N, C-alpha and C. Protein backbone atom coordinates (compact mmCIF):
# COMPACT_ATOMS: atom_id res chain seq x y z
N MET A 1 -23.85 -7.16 24.25
CA MET A 1 -22.86 -8.43 25.06
C MET A 1 -21.62 -7.87 25.07
N THR A 2 -21.14 -8.38 26.19
CA THR A 2 -19.46 -7.51 26.54
C THR A 2 -18.63 -9.01 26.57
N VAL A 3 -17.31 -8.59 25.47
CA VAL A 3 -16.53 -9.74 25.46
C VAL A 3 -15.66 -9.40 26.35
N SER A 4 -15.31 -10.55 27.45
CA SER A 4 -14.80 -10.08 28.43
C SER A 4 -12.99 -10.09 28.09
N SER A 5 -12.70 -11.30 27.53
CA SER A 5 -11.26 -11.25 26.60
C SER A 5 -11.26 -12.10 25.87
N PHE A 6 -9.77 -11.85 25.03
CA PHE A 6 -9.85 -12.83 24.21
C PHE A 6 -8.17 -12.71 23.57
N ALA A 7 -7.95 -13.73 23.38
CA ALA A 7 -6.32 -14.24 23.07
C ALA A 7 -5.98 -14.07 21.78
N ILE A 8 -4.96 -13.70 21.16
CA ILE A 8 -4.92 -14.10 19.49
C ILE A 8 -3.14 -14.48 19.73
N SER A 9 -3.02 -15.45 18.83
CA SER A 9 -1.77 -15.85 18.94
C SER A 9 -0.82 -15.17 18.07
N GLY A 10 0.28 -15.25 18.35
CA GLY A 10 1.26 -14.53 17.29
C GLY A 10 1.30 -14.78 15.82
N GLN A 11 1.08 -16.29 16.15
CA GLN A 11 1.11 -16.90 14.45
C GLN A 11 0.21 -16.56 13.79
N HIS A 12 -1.43 -16.50 14.39
CA HIS A 12 -2.39 -15.91 13.80
C HIS A 12 -2.49 -14.46 13.30
N LEU A 13 -1.87 -13.81 14.16
CA LEU A 13 -1.74 -12.10 13.77
C LEU A 13 -0.73 -11.98 12.63
N SER A 14 0.41 -13.22 12.40
CA SER A 14 1.31 -12.96 11.45
C SER A 14 0.36 -13.47 10.24
N ARG A 15 -0.23 -14.45 10.38
CA ARG A 15 -1.04 -15.13 8.85
C ARG A 15 -2.09 -14.05 8.65
N ILE A 16 -2.79 -13.17 9.56
CA ILE A 16 -3.41 -12.30 9.34
C ILE A 16 -2.54 -11.21 8.31
N ALA A 17 -1.75 -10.64 8.97
CA ALA A 17 -0.64 -9.81 8.14
C ALA A 17 -0.40 -10.51 6.63
N GLY A 18 0.31 -11.55 6.61
CA GLY A 18 0.42 -12.16 5.39
C GLY A 18 -0.46 -12.46 4.50
N PHE A 19 -1.39 -12.99 4.55
CA PHE A 19 -2.83 -12.94 3.84
C PHE A 19 -2.94 -11.60 3.60
N SER A 20 -3.31 -10.49 4.36
CA SER A 20 -3.68 -9.20 3.98
C SER A 20 -2.44 -8.45 2.94
N TYR A 21 -1.50 -9.16 3.19
CA TYR A 21 -0.62 -8.28 2.13
C TYR A 21 -0.73 -8.76 0.56
N LEU A 22 -1.25 -10.09 0.53
CA LEU A 22 -1.39 -10.76 -0.61
C LEU A 22 -2.48 -10.24 -0.93
N VAL A 23 -3.75 -9.58 -0.51
CA VAL A 23 -4.71 -8.98 -0.84
C VAL A 23 -4.61 -7.66 -1.69
N ILE A 24 -3.63 -7.10 -0.94
CA ILE A 24 -3.29 -5.96 -1.24
C ILE A 24 -2.60 -5.88 -2.75
N PHE A 25 -1.54 -6.94 -2.90
CA PHE A 25 -0.97 -7.09 -4.01
C PHE A 25 -1.93 -7.44 -5.17
N ILE A 26 -2.59 -8.31 -5.01
CA ILE A 26 -3.63 -8.56 -6.24
C ILE A 26 -4.20 -7.52 -6.43
N ALA A 27 -4.90 -6.80 -5.12
CA ALA A 27 -5.70 -5.41 -5.93
C ALA A 27 -5.20 -4.39 -6.20
N ALA A 28 -3.89 -4.17 -5.76
CA ALA A 28 -3.33 -3.12 -6.53
C ALA A 28 -2.94 -3.33 -8.12
N ILE A 29 -2.61 -4.82 -8.12
CA ILE A 29 -2.04 -4.88 -9.76
C ILE A 29 -3.29 -4.86 -10.75
N PHE A 30 -4.04 -5.16 -10.25
CA PHE A 30 -5.70 -5.06 -10.92
C PHE A 30 -6.14 -3.72 -10.99
N ALA A 31 -5.92 -2.80 -9.95
CA ALA A 31 -6.39 -1.65 -10.22
C ALA A 31 -5.29 -0.86 -11.12
N ASN A 32 -3.97 -0.92 -10.63
CA ASN A 32 -2.81 -0.20 -11.35
C ASN A 32 -2.86 -0.44 -13.11
N PHE A 33 -2.49 -1.78 -12.85
CA PHE A 33 -2.03 -2.26 -14.45
C PHE A 33 -3.25 -2.89 -15.45
N PHE A 34 -4.50 -2.76 -14.85
CA PHE A 34 -5.61 -2.75 -15.39
C PHE A 34 -6.79 -1.77 -15.82
N MET A 35 -6.84 -1.27 -14.41
CA MET A 35 -7.48 -0.08 -14.89
C MET A 35 -6.89 0.96 -14.96
N LEU A 36 -6.12 1.53 -14.31
CA LEU A 36 -5.36 3.21 -14.52
C LEU A 36 -5.00 2.92 -15.67
N GLU A 37 -4.25 2.16 -16.02
CA GLU A 37 -3.39 2.07 -17.30
C GLU A 37 -4.37 2.48 -18.41
N SER A 38 -5.33 1.39 -18.63
CA SER A 38 -6.57 1.51 -19.65
C SER A 38 -7.15 2.86 -19.75
N LEU A 39 -7.19 3.27 -18.62
CA LEU A 39 -7.93 5.01 -18.27
C LEU A 39 -6.48 5.63 -19.12
N LYS A 40 -5.46 5.72 -18.69
CA LYS A 40 -4.30 6.63 -19.39
C LYS A 40 -4.07 6.42 -20.59
N THR A 41 -4.25 5.28 -21.17
CA THR A 41 -4.11 5.01 -22.80
C THR A 41 -5.15 5.63 -23.62
N GLN A 42 -6.59 5.06 -22.93
CA GLN A 42 -7.76 5.29 -23.71
C GLN A 42 -9.08 5.47 -22.79
N PRO A 43 -8.48 7.01 -22.46
CA PRO A 43 -9.49 7.23 -21.24
C PRO A 43 -10.92 7.41 -21.71
N LEU A 44 -11.58 8.01 -22.85
CA LEU A 44 -12.81 7.74 -22.94
C LEU A 44 -13.70 6.43 -23.43
N LEU A 45 -12.73 5.74 -24.20
CA LEU A 45 -12.97 4.32 -24.35
C LEU A 45 -13.35 3.16 -23.39
N THR A 46 -12.13 3.77 -22.57
CA THR A 46 -12.43 2.78 -21.36
C THR A 46 -13.98 3.14 -20.43
N VAL A 47 -13.83 4.36 -20.09
CA VAL A 47 -15.11 4.60 -19.53
C VAL A 47 -16.61 4.29 -20.15
N GLN A 48 -16.15 4.45 -21.61
CA GLN A 48 -17.45 4.20 -22.10
C GLN A 48 -18.06 3.00 -22.41
N GLU A 49 -16.99 1.86 -22.43
CA GLU A 49 -17.00 0.58 -23.12
C GLU A 49 -16.22 -0.37 -22.09
N ALA A 50 -15.84 -0.24 -20.99
CA ALA A 50 -15.05 -1.17 -19.99
C ALA A 50 -15.50 -0.33 -18.31
N ASP A 51 -16.83 0.07 -18.43
CA ASP A 51 -16.99 1.17 -17.02
C ASP A 51 -16.79 0.03 -15.87
N LEU A 52 -17.38 -1.19 -16.17
CA LEU A 52 -17.39 -1.97 -15.19
C LEU A 52 -15.88 -2.29 -14.69
N THR A 53 -14.70 -2.44 -15.40
CA THR A 53 -13.16 -2.55 -14.87
C THR A 53 -13.07 -1.25 -14.64
N VAL A 54 -13.24 0.11 -14.61
CA VAL A 54 -13.31 1.18 -13.92
C VAL A 54 -13.90 0.66 -12.42
N ARG A 55 -15.10 0.69 -12.15
CA ARG A 55 -15.89 0.31 -10.97
C ARG A 55 -15.33 -0.54 -10.29
N LEU A 56 -14.55 -1.79 -10.82
CA LEU A 56 -13.97 -2.87 -9.96
C LEU A 56 -12.38 -2.11 -9.54
N GLY A 57 -12.02 -1.08 -10.45
CA GLY A 57 -10.74 -0.92 -9.95
C GLY A 57 -10.71 0.07 -8.70
N ILE A 58 -11.70 0.76 -8.90
CA ILE A 58 -11.99 1.62 -7.77
C ILE A 58 -12.07 0.90 -6.49
N LEU A 59 -12.90 -0.13 -6.53
CA LEU A 59 -13.10 -0.77 -5.29
C LEU A 59 -11.86 -1.63 -4.81
N ALA A 60 -10.80 -1.71 -6.13
CA ALA A 60 -9.70 -2.40 -5.71
C ALA A 60 -8.79 -1.57 -4.76
N PHE A 61 -8.94 -0.17 -5.24
CA PHE A 61 -8.09 0.36 -4.55
C PHE A 61 -8.78 0.45 -3.05
N LEU A 62 -9.65 0.83 -2.96
CA LEU A 62 -10.34 0.79 -1.36
C LEU A 62 -9.92 -0.39 -0.77
N ILE A 63 -9.90 -1.66 -1.59
CA ILE A 63 -9.63 -2.61 -0.51
C ILE A 63 -8.22 -2.95 -0.47
N THR A 64 -7.57 -1.96 -1.18
CA THR A 64 -6.18 -1.77 -0.66
C THR A 64 -5.74 -1.08 0.49
N ALA A 65 -6.66 0.03 0.68
CA ALA A 65 -6.57 0.96 1.80
C ALA A 65 -7.13 0.42 3.08
N VAL A 66 -8.10 -0.59 3.01
CA VAL A 66 -8.80 -1.66 4.06
C VAL A 66 -7.99 -2.26 4.49
N PHE A 67 -6.95 -3.06 3.73
CA PHE A 67 -6.48 -4.41 4.16
C PHE A 67 -4.98 -3.67 4.46
N ASP A 68 -4.69 -2.50 4.13
CA ASP A 68 -3.59 -1.50 4.65
C ASP A 68 -3.68 -1.32 6.31
N VAL A 69 -5.05 -1.14 6.53
CA VAL A 69 -5.25 -0.81 7.97
C VAL A 69 -5.08 -2.01 8.74
N VAL A 70 -5.58 -3.45 7.79
CA VAL A 70 -5.58 -4.42 8.80
C VAL A 70 -3.99 -4.99 8.90
N VAL A 71 -3.30 -4.80 7.66
CA VAL A 71 -1.77 -5.05 8.53
C VAL A 71 -1.19 -4.14 9.39
N ALA A 72 -1.44 -2.87 9.07
CA ALA A 72 -0.83 -1.82 10.19
C ALA A 72 -1.39 -2.45 11.66
N TRP A 73 -2.76 -3.13 11.84
CA TRP A 73 -3.04 -3.35 13.06
C TRP A 73 -2.40 -4.89 13.59
N ALA A 74 -2.24 -5.81 12.47
CA ALA A 74 -1.60 -7.11 12.71
C ALA A 74 -0.26 -6.97 13.25
N LEU A 75 0.66 -6.11 12.53
CA LEU A 75 1.82 -5.57 12.50
C LEU A 75 2.27 -5.08 13.98
N HIS A 76 1.10 -3.99 14.25
CA HIS A 76 1.19 -3.57 15.61
C HIS A 76 1.22 -4.15 17.12
N LEU A 77 0.31 -5.30 16.70
CA LEU A 77 0.14 -6.27 17.69
C LEU A 77 1.47 -7.31 17.70
N LEU A 78 1.79 -7.55 16.70
CA LEU A 78 2.77 -8.45 16.58
C LEU A 78 3.93 -8.23 17.43
N TYR A 79 4.41 -7.05 16.73
CA TYR A 79 5.77 -6.33 17.37
C TYR A 79 5.47 -5.13 18.27
N ARG A 80 4.47 -5.23 19.33
CA ARG A 80 3.94 -3.88 19.81
C ARG A 80 5.11 -3.73 21.13
N SER A 81 5.89 -4.34 21.32
CA SER A 81 7.22 -4.46 22.37
C SER A 81 8.28 -3.95 21.79
N HIS A 82 8.33 -3.17 20.34
CA HIS A 82 9.65 -2.74 19.69
C HIS A 82 9.31 -0.97 19.85
N PRO A 83 10.07 -0.31 20.58
CA PRO A 83 9.83 1.12 20.68
C PRO A 83 9.71 2.14 19.51
N LEU A 84 9.74 1.35 18.23
CA LEU A 84 9.30 2.16 16.90
C LEU A 84 8.24 1.52 16.29
N THR A 85 7.41 0.70 16.95
CA THR A 85 6.25 0.20 16.40
C THR A 85 5.25 1.30 16.26
N GLY A 86 4.87 2.07 17.34
CA GLY A 86 4.08 2.71 17.48
C GLY A 86 3.91 3.77 15.84
N LEU A 87 5.05 4.22 15.97
CA LEU A 87 5.65 5.18 15.05
C LEU A 87 5.11 4.46 13.36
N SER A 88 6.05 3.46 13.31
CA SER A 88 5.72 2.81 12.05
C SER A 88 4.26 2.57 11.33
N THR A 89 3.20 2.33 12.62
CA THR A 89 1.74 1.76 12.81
C THR A 89 1.33 3.36 11.99
N LEU A 90 1.62 4.35 12.76
CA LEU A 90 0.64 5.53 12.17
C LEU A 90 1.37 6.05 10.92
N PHE A 91 2.39 5.68 10.37
CA PHE A 91 2.74 6.28 9.21
C PHE A 91 2.17 5.41 7.88
N ARG A 92 1.95 4.02 8.29
CA ARG A 92 1.33 3.03 7.73
C ARG A 92 -0.16 3.48 7.35
N MET A 93 -1.18 3.96 8.70
CA MET A 93 -2.46 4.45 8.51
C MET A 93 -2.30 5.86 8.13
N MET A 94 -1.46 6.67 8.07
CA MET A 94 -1.24 7.75 7.45
C MET A 94 -1.58 7.53 5.80
N HIS A 95 -0.66 6.64 5.34
CA HIS A 95 -1.03 6.14 3.81
C HIS A 95 -2.04 5.13 3.49
N ALA A 96 -2.61 4.94 4.57
CA ALA A 96 -4.21 4.22 4.01
C ALA A 96 -4.93 5.35 3.88
N ALA A 97 -4.92 6.35 5.20
CA ALA A 97 -5.77 7.73 5.05
C ALA A 97 -5.86 8.28 3.72
N ILE A 98 -4.43 8.66 3.25
CA ILE A 98 -4.14 9.20 1.96
C ILE A 98 -4.68 8.61 0.81
N MET A 99 -4.60 7.27 0.68
CA MET A 99 -5.22 6.66 -0.30
C MET A 99 -6.77 6.38 -0.35
N GLY A 100 -7.59 6.68 0.62
CA GLY A 100 -8.68 6.77 0.97
C GLY A 100 -9.13 7.90 0.16
N VAL A 101 -8.49 9.42 0.67
CA VAL A 101 -8.96 10.48 -0.08
C VAL A 101 -8.38 10.50 -1.48
N ALA A 102 -7.61 9.69 -2.27
CA ALA A 102 -7.07 9.84 -3.39
C ALA A 102 -8.12 9.25 -4.19
N VAL A 103 -8.73 8.41 -3.73
CA VAL A 103 -9.89 7.34 -4.50
C VAL A 103 -10.99 8.25 -4.80
N PHE A 104 -11.39 9.37 -3.79
CA PHE A 104 -12.40 10.32 -4.19
C PHE A 104 -12.08 11.00 -5.41
N SER A 105 -11.11 10.86 -6.46
CA SER A 105 -10.72 11.67 -7.67
C SER A 105 -11.35 11.01 -9.01
N LEU A 106 -11.38 9.43 -8.39
CA LEU A 106 -11.93 8.45 -9.38
C LEU A 106 -13.47 8.34 -10.03
N PRO A 107 -14.40 8.04 -9.28
CA PRO A 107 -15.71 7.91 -9.44
C PRO A 107 -16.51 9.20 -10.48
N GLU A 108 -15.70 10.27 -10.55
CA GLU A 108 -16.55 11.26 -11.74
C GLU A 108 -16.08 10.95 -12.95
N VAL A 109 -14.96 10.24 -12.98
CA VAL A 109 -14.54 9.50 -14.55
C VAL A 109 -15.81 8.98 -14.93
N LEU A 110 -16.44 8.21 -14.35
CA LEU A 110 -17.58 7.31 -14.65
C LEU A 110 -18.40 8.09 -15.55
N THR A 111 -18.69 9.40 -15.25
CA THR A 111 -19.74 9.96 -15.92
C THR A 111 -19.28 11.33 -16.91
N SER A 112 -17.99 11.01 -17.28
CA SER A 112 -17.58 12.15 -17.87
C SER A 112 -17.64 11.68 -19.23
N ALA A 113 -17.68 12.72 -20.26
CA ALA A 113 -17.26 12.42 -21.76
C ALA A 113 -16.31 13.30 -22.03
N ASP A 114 -15.51 13.55 -21.03
CA ASP A 114 -14.08 14.52 -21.75
C ASP A 114 -13.08 13.86 -21.22
N PRO A 115 -12.26 13.36 -22.31
CA PRO A 115 -10.49 12.93 -22.11
C PRO A 115 -9.93 13.27 -21.47
N SER A 116 -9.88 14.99 -21.27
CA SER A 116 -9.00 15.70 -20.62
C SER A 116 -9.25 15.53 -18.95
N PHE A 117 -10.83 15.95 -19.01
CA PHE A 117 -11.27 15.89 -17.60
C PHE A 117 -10.50 14.66 -16.65
N ILE A 118 -10.90 13.27 -17.44
CA ILE A 118 -10.32 11.98 -16.99
C ILE A 118 -9.15 11.95 -16.85
N LEU A 119 -8.55 12.40 -17.61
CA LEU A 119 -6.82 12.38 -17.56
C LEU A 119 -6.29 13.19 -16.38
N GLN A 120 -7.21 14.54 -15.93
CA GLN A 120 -7.01 15.33 -14.69
C GLN A 120 -7.31 14.52 -13.59
N GLN A 121 -8.29 14.10 -13.66
CA GLN A 121 -8.72 13.39 -12.49
C GLN A 121 -7.68 11.97 -12.12
N ILE A 122 -7.23 11.32 -12.76
CA ILE A 122 -6.19 10.25 -12.79
C ILE A 122 -5.06 11.05 -12.41
N ASN A 123 -4.36 12.08 -12.72
CA ASN A 123 -3.18 13.11 -12.46
C ASN A 123 -3.40 13.27 -10.91
N GLN A 124 -4.50 13.53 -10.62
CA GLN A 124 -5.10 14.21 -9.31
C GLN A 124 -4.76 13.11 -8.24
N PHE A 125 -5.16 11.92 -8.83
CA PHE A 125 -5.33 10.57 -7.77
C PHE A 125 -3.42 10.40 -7.69
N ASN A 126 -3.18 10.40 -8.75
CA ASN A 126 -1.53 9.69 -8.72
C ASN A 126 -0.84 11.01 -7.69
N THR A 127 -1.28 12.00 -7.96
CA THR A 127 -0.56 13.24 -6.91
C THR A 127 -0.53 13.06 -5.39
N ILE A 128 -1.81 12.45 -5.14
CA ILE A 128 -2.12 12.22 -3.62
C ILE A 128 -1.87 11.43 -3.10
N TRP A 129 -2.13 10.17 -3.90
CA TRP A 129 -1.40 8.80 -3.67
C TRP A 129 0.30 9.11 -3.56
N LEU A 130 0.94 9.66 -4.46
CA LEU A 130 2.32 9.69 -4.34
C LEU A 130 2.68 10.49 -2.93
N ILE A 131 1.94 11.44 -2.43
CA ILE A 131 2.24 12.01 -1.26
C ILE A 131 2.03 10.42 -0.15
N GLY A 132 1.15 10.10 -0.34
CA GLY A 132 0.70 8.58 0.73
C GLY A 132 1.85 7.94 0.85
N LEU A 133 2.50 7.72 -0.41
CA LEU A 133 3.59 6.90 -0.92
C LEU A 133 4.81 7.16 -0.10
N PHE A 134 5.09 8.22 0.01
CA PHE A 134 6.16 9.14 0.91
C PHE A 134 6.27 8.64 2.81
N PHE A 135 4.74 8.80 2.97
CA PHE A 135 4.66 8.20 4.33
C PHE A 135 4.78 6.66 4.03
N PHE A 136 4.51 5.98 3.34
CA PHE A 136 4.56 4.66 3.38
C PHE A 136 6.13 4.16 3.38
N GLY A 137 7.00 4.78 2.43
CA GLY A 137 8.25 4.72 2.64
C GLY A 137 8.78 4.80 4.06
N ILE A 138 8.25 5.68 4.76
CA ILE A 138 8.92 6.24 6.23
C ILE A 138 8.24 4.51 6.80
N HIS A 139 7.30 4.45 6.82
CA HIS A 139 6.70 2.92 7.43
C HIS A 139 7.68 1.52 7.43
N LEU A 140 7.96 1.76 5.78
CA LEU A 140 8.80 0.56 5.30
C LEU A 140 10.42 0.29 5.95
N ILE A 141 11.00 1.67 6.30
CA ILE A 141 12.12 1.65 6.92
C ILE A 141 12.19 1.51 8.05
N LEU A 142 11.22 2.06 9.10
CA LEU A 142 11.05 1.72 10.51
C LEU A 142 10.91 0.17 10.21
N LEU A 143 9.81 -0.51 9.55
CA LEU A 143 9.63 -1.88 9.85
C LEU A 143 10.92 -2.73 9.62
N ALA A 144 11.90 -2.14 8.44
CA ALA A 144 12.97 -2.66 8.30
C ALA A 144 13.84 -3.04 9.84
N PHE A 145 13.86 -1.64 10.68
CA PHE A 145 14.48 -2.16 11.99
C PHE A 145 13.87 -2.47 13.11
N ILE A 146 12.35 -2.92 12.78
CA ILE A 146 11.54 -3.26 13.62
C ILE A 146 12.05 -5.00 13.30
N ILE A 147 11.73 -5.51 12.37
CA ILE A 147 11.71 -6.85 11.99
C ILE A 147 12.99 -7.32 11.86
N LYS A 148 14.06 -6.62 11.66
CA LYS A 148 15.49 -6.95 11.90
C LYS A 148 15.70 -8.72 10.97
N SER A 149 14.84 -9.34 11.43
CA SER A 149 15.24 -10.73 10.73
C SER A 149 13.92 -11.25 9.97
N PRO A 150 14.02 -11.82 9.09
CA PRO A 150 15.25 -12.38 8.28
C PRO A 150 16.05 -10.82 7.51
N ARG A 151 17.04 -11.04 7.71
CA ARG A 151 18.20 -9.70 7.32
C ARG A 151 17.99 -9.27 6.09
N PHE A 152 17.77 -10.22 4.75
CA PHE A 152 17.55 -9.82 3.74
C PHE A 152 16.15 -9.25 3.27
N ILE A 153 15.24 -9.69 4.07
CA ILE A 153 13.79 -8.70 4.09
C ILE A 153 13.96 -7.55 4.27
N ALA A 154 14.47 -7.76 5.93
CA ALA A 154 14.60 -6.05 6.24
C ALA A 154 15.52 -5.28 5.55
N LEU A 155 16.58 -5.94 4.65
CA LEU A 155 17.42 -5.01 4.00
C LEU A 155 16.50 -4.43 2.92
N PHE A 156 15.60 -5.27 1.97
CA PHE A 156 15.16 -4.55 0.83
C PHE A 156 13.89 -3.97 1.31
N LEU A 157 13.22 -3.84 2.66
CA LEU A 157 12.43 -3.03 2.78
C LEU A 157 12.56 -2.12 3.07
N LEU A 158 14.12 -1.68 3.94
CA LEU A 158 14.62 -0.71 3.77
C LEU A 158 14.98 -0.11 2.37
N LEU A 159 15.70 -0.62 1.64
CA LEU A 159 15.78 -0.05 0.09
C LEU A 159 14.38 0.51 -0.54
N ALA A 160 13.34 -0.32 -0.18
CA ALA A 160 11.94 -0.28 -0.91
C ALA A 160 11.84 1.12 -0.29
N GLY A 161 11.82 1.32 1.12
CA GLY A 161 11.24 2.53 1.73
C GLY A 161 11.94 3.87 1.08
N ILE A 162 13.21 3.72 1.05
CA ILE A 162 14.29 5.02 0.69
C ILE A 162 13.84 5.33 -0.69
N MET A 163 13.39 4.31 -1.33
CA MET A 163 13.23 4.63 -2.98
C MET A 163 11.47 5.22 -2.96
N TYR A 164 10.74 4.61 -1.99
CA TYR A 164 9.70 5.19 -2.25
C TYR A 164 9.57 6.69 -2.16
N MET A 165 10.41 7.36 -0.92
CA MET A 165 10.50 8.67 -0.27
C MET A 165 11.38 9.32 -1.63
N SER A 166 12.29 8.89 -1.93
CA SER A 166 12.98 9.42 -3.41
C SER A 166 12.40 9.55 -4.42
N ASP A 167 11.39 8.56 -4.87
CA ASP A 167 10.25 8.69 -5.99
C ASP A 167 9.39 10.10 -5.87
N THR A 168 9.02 9.85 -4.55
CA THR A 168 8.00 11.34 -4.16
C THR A 168 9.10 12.75 -4.36
N VAL A 169 9.89 12.75 -4.02
CA VAL A 169 10.53 13.90 -3.74
C VAL A 169 11.09 14.03 -5.17
N ALA A 170 11.40 13.39 -6.16
CA ALA A 170 11.80 13.48 -7.36
C ALA A 170 10.99 13.87 -8.34
N HIS A 171 9.28 13.48 -8.03
CA HIS A 171 8.41 13.99 -8.71
C HIS A 171 8.17 15.46 -8.66
N PHE A 172 8.34 15.96 -7.76
CA PHE A 172 8.18 17.10 -6.88
C PHE A 172 9.53 18.28 -7.39
N MET A 173 10.73 17.58 -7.39
CA MET A 173 11.83 18.47 -7.31
C MET A 173 12.43 18.45 -8.81
N ILE A 174 12.42 17.56 -9.33
CA ILE A 174 12.80 17.67 -10.98
C ILE A 174 11.98 17.81 -12.05
N PRO A 175 12.41 18.99 -12.92
CA PRO A 175 11.31 19.65 -13.65
C PRO A 175 11.14 18.48 -14.80
N GLY A 176 11.93 17.61 -15.09
CA GLY A 176 11.99 16.75 -16.28
C GLY A 176 12.02 15.19 -15.78
N TYR A 177 11.30 15.34 -14.77
CA TYR A 177 10.99 13.72 -14.12
C TYR A 177 10.47 12.73 -14.97
N ASP A 178 9.93 12.88 -15.95
CA ASP A 178 9.04 12.00 -16.88
C ASP A 178 10.08 11.65 -17.64
N GLN A 179 10.91 12.05 -17.87
CA GLN A 179 12.44 11.46 -18.80
C GLN A 179 12.83 10.08 -18.04
N TYR A 180 12.67 10.55 -16.50
CA TYR A 180 13.42 9.04 -15.90
C TYR A 180 12.22 8.59 -14.93
N SER A 181 11.15 8.50 -15.23
CA SER A 181 9.85 8.01 -14.95
C SER A 181 10.27 6.40 -14.68
N TYR A 182 10.82 5.67 -15.73
CA TYR A 182 10.96 4.30 -15.75
C TYR A 182 11.99 4.01 -14.83
N LEU A 183 13.04 4.89 -15.03
CA LEU A 183 14.17 4.34 -13.90
C LEU A 183 13.73 4.06 -12.53
N PHE A 184 12.94 5.28 -12.29
CA PHE A 184 12.34 5.53 -10.77
C PHE A 184 11.54 4.30 -10.66
N LEU A 185 10.61 4.24 -11.68
CA LEU A 185 9.81 2.72 -11.34
C LEU A 185 10.55 1.56 -11.19
N LEU A 186 11.41 1.39 -11.78
CA LEU A 186 12.48 0.19 -11.51
C LEU A 186 13.05 0.02 -10.20
N LEU A 187 13.42 1.26 -9.93
CA LEU A 187 14.22 1.37 -8.62
C LEU A 187 13.03 0.91 -7.27
N VAL A 188 12.16 1.39 -7.45
CA VAL A 188 11.09 1.35 -6.76
C VAL A 188 10.69 -0.06 -6.42
N ALA A 189 10.17 -0.69 -8.23
CA ALA A 189 9.57 -1.65 -7.66
C ALA A 189 10.36 -2.90 -7.62
N VAL A 190 11.48 -2.87 -7.48
CA VAL A 190 12.10 -4.21 -7.44
C VAL A 190 12.65 -4.43 -6.18
N PRO A 191 12.98 -3.38 -5.34
CA PRO A 191 13.16 -3.95 -3.57
C PRO A 191 11.64 -4.03 -3.11
N SER A 192 10.94 -3.24 -3.61
CA SER A 192 9.47 -3.55 -3.08
C SER A 192 9.03 -4.73 -3.11
N LEU A 193 8.94 -4.97 -4.37
CA LEU A 193 8.34 -6.41 -4.97
C LEU A 193 9.13 -7.33 -4.04
N ILE A 194 10.35 -7.38 -3.98
CA ILE A 194 11.15 -8.63 -3.18
C ILE A 194 10.93 -8.78 -1.91
N GLY A 195 10.97 -7.18 -1.29
CA GLY A 195 10.79 -7.25 0.26
C GLY A 195 9.57 -7.35 0.87
N GLU A 196 8.46 -6.62 0.11
CA GLU A 196 6.92 -6.62 0.93
C GLU A 196 6.57 -8.37 0.45
N MET A 197 6.86 -8.71 -1.07
CA MET A 197 6.17 -9.99 -1.44
C MET A 197 7.10 -11.23 -0.16
N SER A 198 8.20 -11.12 -0.08
CA SER A 198 9.02 -11.87 0.96
C SER A 198 8.21 -12.00 2.45
N LEU A 199 8.65 -10.74 2.80
CA LEU A 199 7.56 -10.53 4.18
C LEU A 199 5.95 -11.27 4.01
N ALA A 200 5.32 -10.71 3.08
CA ALA A 200 4.09 -11.68 3.46
C ALA A 200 4.32 -13.51 3.51
N VAL A 201 4.97 -13.74 2.43
CA VAL A 201 5.62 -15.49 2.46
C VAL A 201 5.91 -15.68 3.77
N TRP A 202 6.91 -14.71 4.31
CA TRP A 202 7.71 -14.97 5.62
C TRP A 202 6.56 -15.17 6.82
N LEU A 203 5.73 -13.97 6.82
CA LEU A 203 4.54 -14.32 7.65
C LEU A 203 3.58 -15.37 7.53
N ILE A 204 3.42 -15.63 6.51
CA ILE A 204 2.44 -16.75 6.29
C ILE A 204 2.98 -18.11 6.93
N ILE A 205 4.14 -18.41 6.46
CA ILE A 205 4.91 -19.57 7.14
C ILE A 205 5.60 -19.77 7.97
N LYS A 206 6.46 -18.52 8.69
CA LYS A 206 7.23 -18.92 9.87
C LYS A 206 7.07 -17.64 10.70
N GLY A 207 6.33 -16.63 10.71
CA GLY A 207 6.15 -15.27 11.26
C GLY A 207 5.38 -15.53 12.72
N GLY A 208 5.44 -14.95 13.91
CA GLY A 208 4.76 -14.77 14.75
C GLY A 208 4.66 -15.97 15.58
N LYS A 209 5.81 -16.26 16.18
CA LYS A 209 5.62 -17.78 17.09
C LYS A 209 5.30 -17.40 18.57
N VAL A 210 5.07 -16.09 19.24
CA VAL A 210 4.73 -15.50 20.47
C VAL A 210 3.18 -15.13 20.63
N SER A 211 2.66 -15.50 21.13
CA SER A 211 1.17 -15.46 21.56
C SER A 211 1.10 -13.81 22.19
N VAL A 212 -0.11 -13.56 21.60
CA VAL A 212 -0.41 -11.73 21.95
C VAL A 212 -1.85 -11.87 22.51
N LYS A 213 -1.61 -11.02 23.76
CA LYS A 213 -2.87 -11.45 24.58
C LYS A 213 -3.39 -10.09 24.58
N ASP A 214 -5.14 -9.95 24.70
CA ASP A 214 -5.37 -8.34 24.66
C ASP A 214 -6.65 -8.69 25.30
N THR A 215 -7.21 -7.59 26.00
CA THR A 215 -8.28 -7.73 26.77
C THR A 215 -9.29 -6.53 26.10
N ILE A 216 -10.52 -6.91 26.36
CA ILE A 216 -11.48 -5.66 25.82
C ILE A 216 -12.30 -5.43 27.06
N GLN A 217 -12.54 -4.35 27.78
CA GLN A 217 -13.66 -4.42 28.76
C GLN A 217 -15.04 -3.70 28.09
């Protein structure tokens, strides 16, 4: 069956992007602070006695990658008239793809009885994801110039993008990075949480007033 045409309002696209962002927040918080942190502190015990948490955490990371693509698609259509939108979308898609690759490091921990191997897989996941966050930072910087208004959201997105990129560079360039890890975490988390959460809420409530039409042959 051929679908001749369909129309998607800007408001619908905006809400899709906003609610998808909320799904990403929930899934990422669970995967990072419940599953990943548990594996880091008690790798063997977590695998042996809380394997469901590990499995759900892996699924949560996959969900974040999927909804990252949804957000990229919705924002691309919503702001497709802006010259930077295509580039911004590509960088977010790169982040989603790299996240998908990073998740491949985690399922093997479910069958391991070696704590050092489990930690090695987590480190591998973090390293790959860290590279993805560098590209995500570029996406946020471009997005800040694309949306422009509300200005405070654009400003925090810009700061978050810069800090994501700085954190990735610091990981690889500063030998004693671990000594400053909490500082960098704070510098990344604050503008990111404020900017991206504010963007999600704004997209749901006030974003997307222009209708977007597309046709499929």
